[in-house]
Amino acid sequence: MQNSNKIKLLDNYQLYQLIQSDSIDNITLTEIKTEFDSRNLSADEKLRIKKKYELNFTKLESKIDENPWNPLYTAFAINLHFRHLALLKTHGRKKEAKKYMIELYFGLALYFGLLILLIFIIKAN
């Protein structure tokens, strides 16, 4: 199979990451597990890969949970907010992303409303 050849090009850590994924179909997952097992890694190497994965995964979770900027009050930092939205969506937190997006759009509307009000006040004088 051609897929098997592509799987063989992956390194051990990449294979382990794919094995941990919930979004891979069973046929591909079986091929990945077979390839990972065929490499005959030592117990120390498997432990090292597992710890590396856990460390990276916990860093990612803390990065997702940590967002010091409230989109309602800081809508001007739009690039930062869209990056956080993309991070939420790519990790399956669609409800949180939807809530965050609503707050961001409300914050943008608030800022534009204040800007328009400021323009009217300046023109009135």
Protein backbone atom coordinates (compact mmCIF):
# COMPACT_ATOMS: atom_id res chain seq x y z
CA MET A 1 0.00 0.00 0.00
CA GLN A 2 1.10 3.52 -0.66
CA ASN A 3 -0.12 4.75 2.73
CA SER A 4 2.18 2.28 4.47
CA ASN A 5 5.16 3.80 2.69
CA LYS A 6 4.19 7.25 3.94
CA ILE A 7 3.74 5.95 7.46
CA LYS A 8 7.26 4.51 7.39
CA LEU A 9 8.65 7.99 6.77
CA LEU A 10 7.36 9.24 10.14
CA ASP A 11 9.62 9.25 13.16
CA ASN A 12 8.79 7.46 16.42
CA TYR A 13 7.36 10.52 18.16
CA GLN A 14 5.11 11.36 15.24
CA LEU A 15 3.77 7.81 15.22
CA TYR A 16 3.09 8.02 18.97
CA GLN A 17 1.23 11.31 18.49
CA LEU A 18 -0.94 9.75 15.80
CA ILE A 19 -1.67 6.73 17.98
CA GLN A 20 -2.95 9.06 20.72
CA SER A 21 -5.26 10.91 18.31
CA ASP A 22 -8.99 10.23 18.45
CA SER A 23 -9.66 11.48 14.93
CA ILE A 24 -7.90 8.72 12.95
CA ASP A 25 -9.91 5.94 11.36
CA ASN A 26 -9.37 2.36 12.59
CA ILE A 27 -7.65 1.07 9.44
CA THR A 28 -5.02 3.80 9.47
CA LEU A 29 -4.64 3.50 13.24
CA THR A 30 -3.96 -0.23 12.86
CA GLU A 31 -1.27 0.49 10.24
CA ILE A 32 0.32 3.12 12.49
CA LYS A 33 0.35 0.80 15.51
CA THR A 34 1.82 -1.99 13.41
CA GLU A 35 4.59 0.30 12.19
CA PHE A 36 5.27 1.60 15.71
CA ASP A 37 5.48 -1.94 17.10
CA SER A 38 7.69 -3.12 14.23
CA ARG A 39 10.37 -0.62 15.21
CA ASN A 40 11.13 -2.61 18.38
CA LEU A 41 11.77 0.39 20.60
CA SER A 42 13.29 -0.14 24.00
CA ALA A 43 11.21 0.47 27.11
CA ASP A 44 13.33 3.55 27.89
CA GLU A 45 12.72 5.01 24.44
CA LYS A 46 8.96 4.40 24.72
CA LEU A 47 8.95 6.04 28.15
CA ARG A 48 10.89 9.03 26.80
CA ILE A 49 8.43 9.46 23.94
CA LYS A 50 5.46 9.16 26.30
CA LYS A 51 6.89 11.78 28.70
CA LYS A 52 7.67 14.14 25.81
CA TYR A 53 4.10 13.79 24.55
CA GLU A 54 2.62 14.39 28.01
CA LEU A 55 4.83 17.44 28.52
CA ASN A 56 3.85 18.94 25.17
CA PHE A 57 0.17 18.11 25.70
CA THR A 58 0.04 19.76 29.14
CA LYS A 59 1.79 22.84 27.76
CA LEU A 60 -0.82 23.03 25.03
CA GLU A 61 -3.73 22.65 27.44
CA SER A 62 -2.35 25.37 29.70
CA LYS A 63 -1.82 27.62 26.66
CA ILE A 64 -5.44 27.12 25.62
CA ASP A 65 -6.76 27.80 29.12
CA GLU A 66 -4.51 30.80 29.67
CA ASN A 67 -5.73 33.90 27.87
CA PRO A 68 -5.20 37.11 29.84
CA TRP A 69 -7.04 39.25 27.26
CA ASN A 70 -10.81 39.48 27.58
CA PRO A 71 -12.23 39.98 24.06
CA LEU A 72 -15.02 42.17 25.37
CA TYR A 73 -12.60 44.81 26.65
CA THR A 74 -9.60 44.27 24.38
CA ALA A 75 -11.14 43.77 20.96
CA PHE A 76 -8.43 46.03 19.47
CA ALA A 77 -5.96 43.13 19.84
CA ILE A 78 -7.80 41.29 17.09
CA ASN A 79 -4.85 39.24 15.84
CA LEU A 80 -4.29 37.75 19.30
CA HIS A 81 -7.98 36.90 19.61
CA PHE A 82 -8.15 35.19 16.23
CA ARG A 83 -5.09 33.09 17.11
CA HIS A 84 -6.77 32.02 20.35
CA LEU A 85 -9.97 31.22 18.45
CA ALA A 86 -8.04 29.07 15.99
CA LEU A 87 -6.36 27.24 18.87
CA LEU A 88 -9.71 26.54 20.50
CA LYS A 89 -11.27 25.31 17.26
CA THR A 90 -8.39 23.04 16.30
CA HIS A 91 -8.59 21.30 19.66
CA GLY A 92 -12.29 20.61 19.53
CA ARG A 93 -13.49 23.25 21.94
CA LYS A 94 -16.19 24.56 19.62
CA LYS A 95 -18.59 25.76 22.32
CA GLU A 96 -15.85 27.77 24.01
CA ALA A 97 -14.79 29.15 20.61
CA LYS A 98 -18.35 30.20 19.79
CA LYS A 99 -18.73 31.99 23.15
CA TYR A 100 -15.34 33.65 22.70
CA MET A 101 -16.24 34.76 19.17
CA ILE A 102 -19.53 36.30 20.35
CA GLU A 103 -17.67 38.22 23.06
CA LEU A 104 -15.11 39.38 20.50
CA TYR A 105 -17.75 40.60 18.05
CA PHE A 106 -19.64 42.35 20.84
CA GLY A 107 -16.39 43.99 21.95
CA LEU A 108 -15.66 45.12 18.39
CA ALA A 109 -19.18 46.55 18.10
CA LEU A 110 -18.66 48.35 21.40
CA TYR A 111 -15.36 49.89 20.25
CA PHE A 112 -16.75 50.94 16.87
CA GLY A 113 -19.81 52.41 18.57
CA LEU A 114 -17.59 54.41 20.92
CA LEU A 115 -15.44 55.54 17.99
CA ILE A 116 -18.50 56.73 16.05
CA LEU A 117 -19.83 58.49 19.15
CA LEU A 118 -16.45 60.20 19.60
CA ILE A 119 -16.50 61.36 15.97
CA PHE A 120 -20.01 62.83 16.44
CA ILE A 121 -18.92 64.62 19.61
CA ILE A 122 -15.85 66.08 17.89
CA LYS A 123 -17.89 67.19 14.85
CA ALA A 124 -20.52 68.80 17.09
CA ASN A 125 -17.91 71.09 18.64
